[in-house]
PDB file of all heavy atoms in Angstrom:
ATOM      1  N   GLU A   1       0.409   7.267   4.501  1.00  0.00           N
ATOM      2  CA  GLU A   1      -0.490   8.482   4.240  1.00  0.00           C
ATOM      3  C   GLU A   1      -1.390   8.215   3.039  1.00  0.00           C
ATOM      4  O   GLU A   1      -1.026   7.963   1.908  1.00  0.00           O
ATOM      5  CB  GLU A   1       0.244   9.735   3.941  1.00  0.00           C
ATOM      6  CG  GLU A   1      -0.507  11.046   3.682  1.00  0.00           C
ATOM      7  CD  GLU A   1       0.484  12.197   3.511  1.00  0.00           C
ATOM      8  OE1 GLU A   1       1.721  12.108   3.898  1.00  0.00           O
ATOM      9  OE2 GLU A   1       0.035  13.248   2.865  1.00  0.00           O
ATOM     10  N   ASP A   2      -2.710   8.307   3.340  1.00  0.00           N
ATOM     11  CA  ASP A   2      -3.760   7.981   2.332  1.00  0.00           C
ATOM     12  C   ASP A   2      -3.617   8.977   1.028  1.00  0.00           C
ATOM     13  O   ASP A   2      -3.596  10.214   1.181  1.00  0.00           O
ATOM     14  CB  ASP A   2      -5.036   8.023   2.835  1.00  0.00           C
ATOM     15  CG  ASP A   2      -6.185   7.573   1.843  1.00  0.00           C
ATOM     16  OD1 ASP A   2      -6.146   6.520   1.351  1.00  0.00           O
ATOM     17  OD2 ASP A   2      -7.064   8.378   1.542  1.00  0.00           O
ATOM     18  N   ASN A   3      -3.522   8.210  -0.121  1.00  0.00           N
ATOM     19  CA  ASN A   3      -3.599   9.062  -1.341  1.00  0.00           C
ATOM     20  C   ASN A   3      -4.945   8.657  -1.956  1.00  0.00           C
ATOM     21  O   ASN A   3      -5.215   7.608  -2.248  1.00  0.00           O
ATOM     22  CB  ASN A   3      -2.539   8.622  -2.370  1.00  0.00           C
ATOM     23  CG  ASN A   3      -2.487   9.367  -3.670  1.00  0.00           C
ATOM     24  OD1 ASN A   3      -3.583   9.835  -4.189  1.00  0.00           O
ATOM     25  ND2 ASN A   3      -1.404   9.555  -4.378  1.00  0.00           N
ATOM     26  N   PRO A   4      -5.901   9.667  -1.993  1.00  0.00           N
ATOM     27  CA  PRO A   4      -7.264   9.424  -2.463  1.00  0.00           C
ATOM     28  C   PRO A   4      -7.359   8.839  -3.936  1.00  0.00           C
ATOM     29  O   PRO A   4      -8.446   8.249  -4.232  1.00  0.00           O
ATOM     30  CB  PRO A   4      -8.017  10.710  -2.358  1.00  0.00           C
ATOM     31  CG  PRO A   4      -6.924  11.755  -2.442  1.00  0.00           C
ATOM     32  CD  PRO A   4      -5.708  11.110  -1.803  1.00  0.00           C
ATOM     33  N   ASN A   5      -6.336   8.993  -4.724  1.00  0.00           N
ATOM     34  CA  ASN A   5      -6.287   8.540  -6.137  1.00  0.00           C
ATOM     35  C   ASN A   5      -5.844   7.202  -6.300  1.00  0.00           C
ATOM     36  O   ASN A   5      -5.809   6.587  -7.278  1.00  0.00           O
ATOM     37  CB  ASN A   5      -5.499   9.503  -6.932  1.00  0.00           C
ATOM     38  CG  ASN A   5      -6.059  10.774  -7.026  1.00  0.00           C
ATOM     39  OD1 ASN A   5      -7.290  11.095  -6.896  1.00  0.00           O
ATOM     40  ND2 ASN A   5      -5.197  11.921  -7.048  1.00  0.00           N
ATOM     41  N   VAL A   6      -5.375   6.536  -5.031  1.00  0.00           N
ATOM     42  CA  VAL A   6      -4.745   5.170  -5.185  1.00  0.00           C
ATOM     43  C   VAL A   6      -5.446   4.332  -4.182  1.00  0.00           C
ATOM     44  O   VAL A   6      -5.813   4.542  -3.080  1.00  0.00           O
ATOM     45  CB  VAL A   6      -3.229   5.194  -4.813  1.00  0.00           C
ATOM     46  CG1 VAL A   6      -2.637   3.841  -4.912  1.00  0.00           C
ATOM     47  CG2 VAL A   6      -2.487   6.007  -5.963  1.00  0.00           C
ATOM     48  N   ASP A   7      -5.748   3.119  -4.531  1.00  0.00           N
ATOM     49  CA  ASP A   7      -6.289   2.035  -3.663  1.00  0.00           C
ATOM     50  C   ASP A   7      -5.193   0.956  -3.463  1.00  0.00           C
ATOM     51  O   ASP A   7      -4.381   0.693  -4.368  1.00  0.00           O
ATOM     52  CB  ASP A   7      -7.508   1.440  -4.349  1.00  0.00           C
ATOM     53  CG  ASP A   7      -8.633   2.333  -4.526  1.00  0.00           C
ATOM     54  OD1 ASP A   7      -8.829   3.318  -3.729  1.00  0.00           O
ATOM     55  OD2 ASP A   7      -9.369   2.218  -5.448  1.00  0.00           O
ATOM     56  N   GLY A   8      -5.236   0.344  -2.320  1.00  0.00           N
ATOM     57  CA  GLY A   8      -4.429  -0.763  -2.060  1.00  0.00           C
ATOM     58  C   GLY A   8      -3.443  -0.671  -0.982  1.00  0.00           C
ATOM     59  O   GLY A   8      -2.714  -1.577  -0.614  1.00  0.00           O
ATOM     60  N   GLU A   9      -3.261   0.597  -0.431  1.00  0.00           N
ATOM     61  CA  GLU A   9      -2.317   0.735   0.645  1.00  0.00           C
ATOM     62  C   GLU A   9      -2.706   0.069   2.003  1.00  0.00           C
ATOM     63  O   GLU A   9      -3.866  -0.015   2.249  1.00  0.00           O
ATOM     64  CB  GLU A   9      -2.147   2.260   1.030  1.00  0.00           C
ATOM     65  CG  GLU A   9      -1.853   3.154  -0.158  1.00  0.00           C
ATOM     66  CD  GLU A   9      -3.058   3.877  -0.495  1.00  0.00           C
ATOM     67  OE1 GLU A   9      -4.141   3.236  -0.607  1.00  0.00           O
ATOM     68  OE2 GLU A   9      -2.968   5.170  -0.699  1.00  0.00           O
ATOM     69  N   MET A  10      -1.670  -0.534   2.546  1.00  0.00           N
ATOM     70  CA  MET A  10      -1.969  -1.441   3.772  1.00  0.00           C
ATOM     71  C   MET A  10      -0.896  -1.088   4.819  1.00  0.00           C
ATOM     72  O   MET A  10       0.219  -0.612   4.442  1.00  0.00           O
ATOM     73  CB  MET A  10      -1.986  -2.770   3.490  1.00  0.00           C
ATOM     74  CG  MET A  10      -3.186  -3.295   2.531  1.00  0.00           C
ATOM     75  SD  MET A  10      -3.129  -5.062   2.172  1.00  0.00           S
ATOM     76  CE  MET A  10      -3.673  -5.690   3.804  1.00  0.00           C
ATOM     77  N   GLU A  11      -1.228  -1.275   6.017  1.00  0.00           N
ATOM     78  CA  GLU A  11      -0.259  -1.280   7.184  1.00  0.00           C
ATOM     79  C   GLU A  11       0.481  -2.603   7.362  1.00  0.00           C
ATOM     80  O   GLU A  11      -0.236  -3.681   7.044  1.00  0.00           O
ATOM     81  CB  GLU A  11      -0.967  -0.805   8.455  1.00  0.00           C
ATOM     82  CG  GLU A  11      -1.578   0.589   8.498  1.00  0.00           C
ATOM     83  CD  GLU A  11      -2.188   0.997   9.786  1.00  0.00           C
ATOM     84  OE1 GLU A  11      -2.235   0.036  10.711  1.00  0.00           O
ATOM     85  OE2 GLU A  11      -2.471   2.233   9.954  1.00  0.00           O
ATOM     86  N   HIS A  12       1.670  -2.478   7.856  1.00  0.00           N
ATOM     87  CA  HIS A  12       2.553  -3.759   7.979  1.00  0.00           C
ATOM     88  C   HIS A  12       3.265  -3.829   9.133  1.00  0.00           C
ATOM     89  O   HIS A  12       3.559  -2.672   9.792  1.00  0.00           O
ATOM     90  CB  HIS A  12       3.399  -4.028   6.826  1.00  0.00           C
ATOM     91  CG  HIS A  12       2.803  -4.001   5.501  1.00  0.00           C
ATOM     92  ND1 HIS A  12       2.427  -5.110   4.880  1.00  0.00           N
ATOM     93  CD2 HIS A  12       2.458  -2.946   4.538  1.00  0.00           C
ATOM     94  CE1 HIS A  12       1.823  -4.940   3.710  1.00  0.00           C
ATOM     95  NE2 HIS A  12       1.966  -3.533   3.472  1.00  0.00           N
ATOM     96  N   THR A  13       3.568  -4.923   9.757  1.00  0.00           N
ATOM     97  CA  THR A  13       4.516  -5.034  10.840  1.00  0.00           C
ATOM     98  C   THR A  13       5.464  -6.113  10.542  1.00  0.00           C
ATOM     99  O   THR A  13       5.072  -7.301  10.185  1.00  0.00           O
ATOM    100  CB  THR A  13       3.728  -5.441  12.210  1.00  0.00           C
ATOM    101  OG1 THR A  13       2.836  -4.307  12.511  1.00  0.00           O
ATOM    102  CG2 THR A  13       4.671  -5.624  13.374  1.00  0.00           C
ATOM    103  N   PHE A  14       6.830  -5.786  10.633  1.00  0.00           N
ATOM    104  CA  PHE A  14       7.832  -6.815  10.437  1.00  0.00           C
ATOM    105  C   PHE A  14       8.819  -6.988  11.672  1.00  0.00           C
ATOM    106  O   PHE A  14       8.767  -6.105  12.452  1.00  0.00           O
ATOM    107  CB  PHE A  14       8.664  -6.269   9.192  1.00  0.00           C
ATOM    108  CG  PHE A  14       7.958  -5.946   8.011  1.00  0.00           C
ATOM    109  CD1 PHE A  14       8.082  -4.676   7.273  1.00  0.00           C
ATOM    110  CD2 PHE A  14       7.086  -6.821   7.441  1.00  0.00           C
ATOM    111  CE1 PHE A  14       7.293  -4.297   6.165  1.00  0.00           C
ATOM    112  CE2 PHE A  14       6.333  -6.615   6.198  1.00  0.00           C
ATOM    113  CZ  PHE A  14       6.457  -5.327   5.601  1.00  0.00           C
ATOM    114  N   ILE A  15       9.381  -8.058  11.656  1.00  0.00           N
ATOM    115  CA  ILE A  15      10.384  -8.288  12.671  1.00  0.00           C
ATOM    116  C   ILE A  15      11.803  -8.324  12.026  1.00  0.00           C
ATOM    117  O   ILE A  15      12.158  -9.187  11.330  1.00  0.00           O
ATOM    118  CB  ILE A  15      10.273  -9.529  13.442  1.00  0.00           C
ATOM    119  CG1 ILE A  15       8.787  -9.649  14.093  1.00  0.00           C
ATOM    120  CG2 ILE A  15      11.348  -9.699  14.623  1.00  0.00           C
ATOM    121  CD1 ILE A  15       8.614  -8.522  15.137  1.00  0.00           C
ATOM    122  N   GLY A  16      12.470  -7.224  12.171  1.00  0.00           N
ATOM    123  CA  GLY A  16      13.852  -7.136  11.559  1.00  0.00           C
ATOM    124  C   GLY A  16      13.845  -6.715  10.072  1.00  0.00           C
ATOM    125  O   GLY A  16      14.688  -5.866   9.790  1.00  0.00           O
ATOM    126  N   GLY A  17      12.859  -7.125   9.350  1.00  0.00           N
ATOM    127  CA  GLY A  17      12.633  -6.771   7.921  1.00  0.00           C
ATOM    128  C   GLY A  17      11.618  -7.594   7.162  1.00  0.00           C
ATOM    129  O   GLY A  17      11.043  -8.548   7.736  1.00  0.00           O
ATOM    130  N   GLY A  18      11.237  -6.914   6.058  1.00  0.00           N
ATOM    131  CA  GLY A  18      10.072  -7.664   5.362  1.00  0.00           C
ATOM    132  C   GLY A  18       9.715  -6.802   4.135  1.00  0.00           C
ATOM    133  O   GLY A  18      10.181  -5.687   3.924  1.00  0.00           O
ATOM    134  N   TYR A  19       8.863  -7.391   3.309  1.00  0.00           N
ATOM    135  CA  TYR A  19       8.418  -6.734   2.067  1.00  0.00           C
ATOM    136  C   TYR A  19       7.092  -6.116   2.094  1.00  0.00           C
ATOM    137  O   TYR A  19       6.016  -6.580   2.624  1.00  0.00           O
ATOM    138  CB  TYR A  19       8.404  -7.824   0.965  1.00  0.00           C
ATOM    139  CG  TYR A  19       9.790  -8.350   0.492  1.00  0.00           C
ATOM    140  CD1 TYR A  19      10.378  -9.358   1.112  1.00  0.00           C
ATOM    141  CD2 TYR A  19      10.340  -7.576  -0.501  1.00  0.00           C
ATOM    142  CE1 TYR A  19      11.528  -9.851   0.723  1.00  0.00           C
ATOM    143  CE2 TYR A  19      11.641  -7.986  -0.913  1.00  0.00           C
ATOM    144  CZ  TYR A  19      12.308  -9.083  -0.155  1.00  0.00           C
ATOM    145  OH  TYR A  19      13.559  -9.565  -0.738  1.00  0.00           O
ATOM    146  N   ILE A  20       7.125  -4.866   1.794  1.00  0.00           N
ATOM    147  CA  ILE A  20       5.736  -4.194   1.466  1.00  0.00           C
ATOM    148  C   ILE A  20       5.379  -4.654   0.199  1.00  0.00           C
ATOM    149  O   ILE A  20       5.915  -4.304  -0.859  1.00  0.00           O
ATOM    150  CB  ILE A  20       5.863  -2.617   1.468  1.00  0.00           C
ATOM    151  CG1 ILE A  20       6.410  -2.108   2.902  1.00  0.00           C
ATOM    152  CG2 ILE A  20       4.586  -1.997   1.145  1.00  0.00           C
ATOM    153  CD1 ILE A  20       6.558  -0.641   2.969  1.00  0.00           C
ATOM    154  N   ASP A  21       4.218  -5.406   0.066  1.00  0.00           N
ATOM    155  CA  ASP A  21       3.830  -6.139  -1.117  1.00  0.00           C
ATOM    156  C   ASP A  21       2.359  -5.670  -1.469  1.00  0.00           C
ATOM    157  O   ASP A  21       1.709  -6.369  -2.128  1.00  0.00           O
ATOM    158  CB  ASP A  21       3.867  -7.581  -1.088  1.00  0.00           C
ATOM    159  CG  ASP A  21       3.088  -8.149   0.206  1.00  0.00           C
ATOM    160  OD1 ASP A  21       2.477  -7.307   1.000  1.00  0.00           O
ATOM    161  OD2 ASP A  21       3.039  -9.230   0.368  1.00  0.00           O
ATOM    162  N   ASP A  22       2.079  -4.466  -1.314  1.00  0.00           N
ATOM    163  CA  ASP A  22       0.625  -4.023  -1.604  1.00  0.00           C
ATOM    164  C   ASP A  22       0.515  -3.952  -3.059  1.00  0.00           C
ATOM    165  O   ASP A  22       1.429  -3.638  -3.751  1.00  0.00           O
ATOM    166  CB  ASP A  22       0.475  -2.458  -1.127  1.00  0.00           C
ATOM    167  CG  ASP A  22       0.532  -2.558   0.418  1.00  0.00           C
ATOM    168  OD1 ASP A  22       0.565  -3.703   1.129  1.00  0.00           O
ATOM    169  OD2 ASP A  22       0.640  -1.411   1.015  1.00  0.00           O
ATOM    170  N   ILE A  23      -0.673  -4.193  -3.461  1.00  0.00           N
ATOM    171  CA  ILE A  23      -1.084  -4.169  -4.871  1.00  0.00           C
ATOM    172  C   ILE A  23      -1.850  -2.820  -5.018  1.00  0.00           C
ATOM    173  O   ILE A  23      -2.851  -2.558  -4.413  1.00  0.00           O
ATOM    174  CB  ILE A  23      -1.955  -5.236  -5.463  1.00  0.00           C
ATOM    175  CG1 ILE A  23      -1.263  -6.603  -5.399  1.00  0.00           C
ATOM    176  CG2 ILE A  23      -2.567  -5.028  -6.845  1.00  0.00           C
ATOM    177  CD1 ILE A  23      -2.241  -7.806  -5.622  1.00  0.00           C
ATOM    178  N   LEU A  24      -1.118  -1.785  -5.804  1.00  0.00           N
ATOM    179  CA  LEU A  24      -1.677  -0.555  -5.792  1.00  0.00           C
ATOM    180  C   LEU A  24      -2.165  -0.086  -7.165  1.00  0.00           C
ATOM    181  O   LEU A  24      -1.687  -0.537  -8.252  1.00  0.00           O
ATOM    182  CB  LEU A  24      -0.497   0.486  -5.591  1.00  0.00           C
ATOM    183  CG  LEU A  24       0.256   0.290  -4.232  1.00  0.00           C
ATOM    184  CD1 LEU A  24       1.425   1.299  -4.078  1.00  0.00           C
ATOM    185  CD2 LEU A  24      -0.723   0.459  -3.018  1.00  0.00           C
ATOM    186  N   SER A  25      -3.404   0.387  -7.097  1.00  0.00           N
ATOM    187  CA  SER A  25      -4.087   0.767  -8.303  1.00  0.00           C
ATOM    188  C   SER A  25      -4.593   2.291  -8.385  1.00  0.00           C
ATOM    189  O   SER A  25      -5.095   2.710  -7.382  1.00  0.00           O
ATOM    190  CB  SER A  25      -5.439  -0.080  -8.377  1.00  0.00           C
ATOM    191  OG  SER A  25      -5.080  -1.415  -8.435  1.00  0.00           O
ATOM    192  N   ILE A  26      -4.536   2.980  -9.531  1.00  0.00           N
ATOM    193  CA  ILE A  26      -5.002   4.232  -9.564  1.00  0.00           C
ATOM    194  C   ILE A  26      -6.444   4.019  -9.870  1.00  0.00           C
ATOM    195  O   ILE A  26      -6.821   3.451 -10.760  1.00  0.00           O
ATOM    196  CB  ILE A  26      -4.294   5.020 -10.742  1.00  0.00           C
ATOM    197  CG1 ILE A  26      -2.756   5.241 -10.390  1.00  0.00           C
ATOM    198  CG2 ILE A  26      -4.910   6.365 -11.007  1.00  0.00           C
ATOM    199  CD1 ILE A  26      -2.005   5.870 -11.454  1.00  0.00           C
ATOM    200  N   ASN A  27      -7.308   4.870  -9.151  1.00  0.00           N
ATOM    201  CA  ASN A  27      -8.689   4.593  -9.281  1.00  0.00           C
ATOM    202  C   ASN A  27      -9.466   5.492 -10.077  1.00  0.00           C
ATOM    203  O   ASN A  27     -10.731   5.411 -10.224  1.00  0.00           O
ATOM    204  CB  ASN A  27      -9.401   4.565  -7.846  1.00  0.00           C
ATOM    205  CG  ASN A  27      -9.120   5.809  -7.026  1.00  0.00           C
ATOM    206  OD1 ASN A  27      -8.854   6.910  -7.653  1.00  0.00           O
ATOM    207  ND2 ASN A  27      -8.844   5.673  -5.807  1.00  0.00           N
ATOM    208  N   ASP A  28      -8.721   6.492 -10.770  1.00  0.00           N
ATOM    209  CA  ASP A  28      -9.462   7.330 -11.760  1.00  0.00           C
ATOM    210  C   ASP A  28      -8.829   7.170 -12.947  1.00  0.00           C
ATOM    211  O   ASP A  28      -7.698   7.447 -13.296  1.00  0.00           O
ATOM    212  CB  ASP A  28      -9.232   8.857 -11.223  1.00  0.00           C
ATOM    213  CG  ASP A  28      -9.986   9.800 -12.007  1.00  0.00           C
ATOM    214  OD1 ASP A  28     -10.465   9.433 -13.139  1.00  0.00           O
ATOM    215  OD2 ASP A  28     -10.147  10.995 -11.575  1.00  0.00           O
ATOM    216  N   PRO A  29      -9.604   6.652 -14.099  1.00  0.00           N
ATOM    217  CA  PRO A  29      -9.045   6.413 -15.336  1.00  0.00           C
ATOM    218  C   PRO A  29      -8.665   7.652 -16.134  1.00  0.00           C
ATOM    219  O   PRO A  29      -7.804   7.597 -17.002  1.00  0.00           O
ATOM    220  CB  PRO A  29     -10.162   5.648 -16.118  1.00  0.00           C
ATOM    221  CG  PRO A  29     -11.448   6.134 -15.370  1.00  0.00           C
ATOM    222  CD  PRO A  29     -10.999   6.317 -13.984  1.00  0.00           C
TER     223      PRO A  29
END
């Protein structure tokens, strides 16, 4: 779910399991 204050969210597909490894940044100082 998009958070307008954060950049870097991505969709992923895993088989059995995997790591969500997004680099997330707050875009408003």
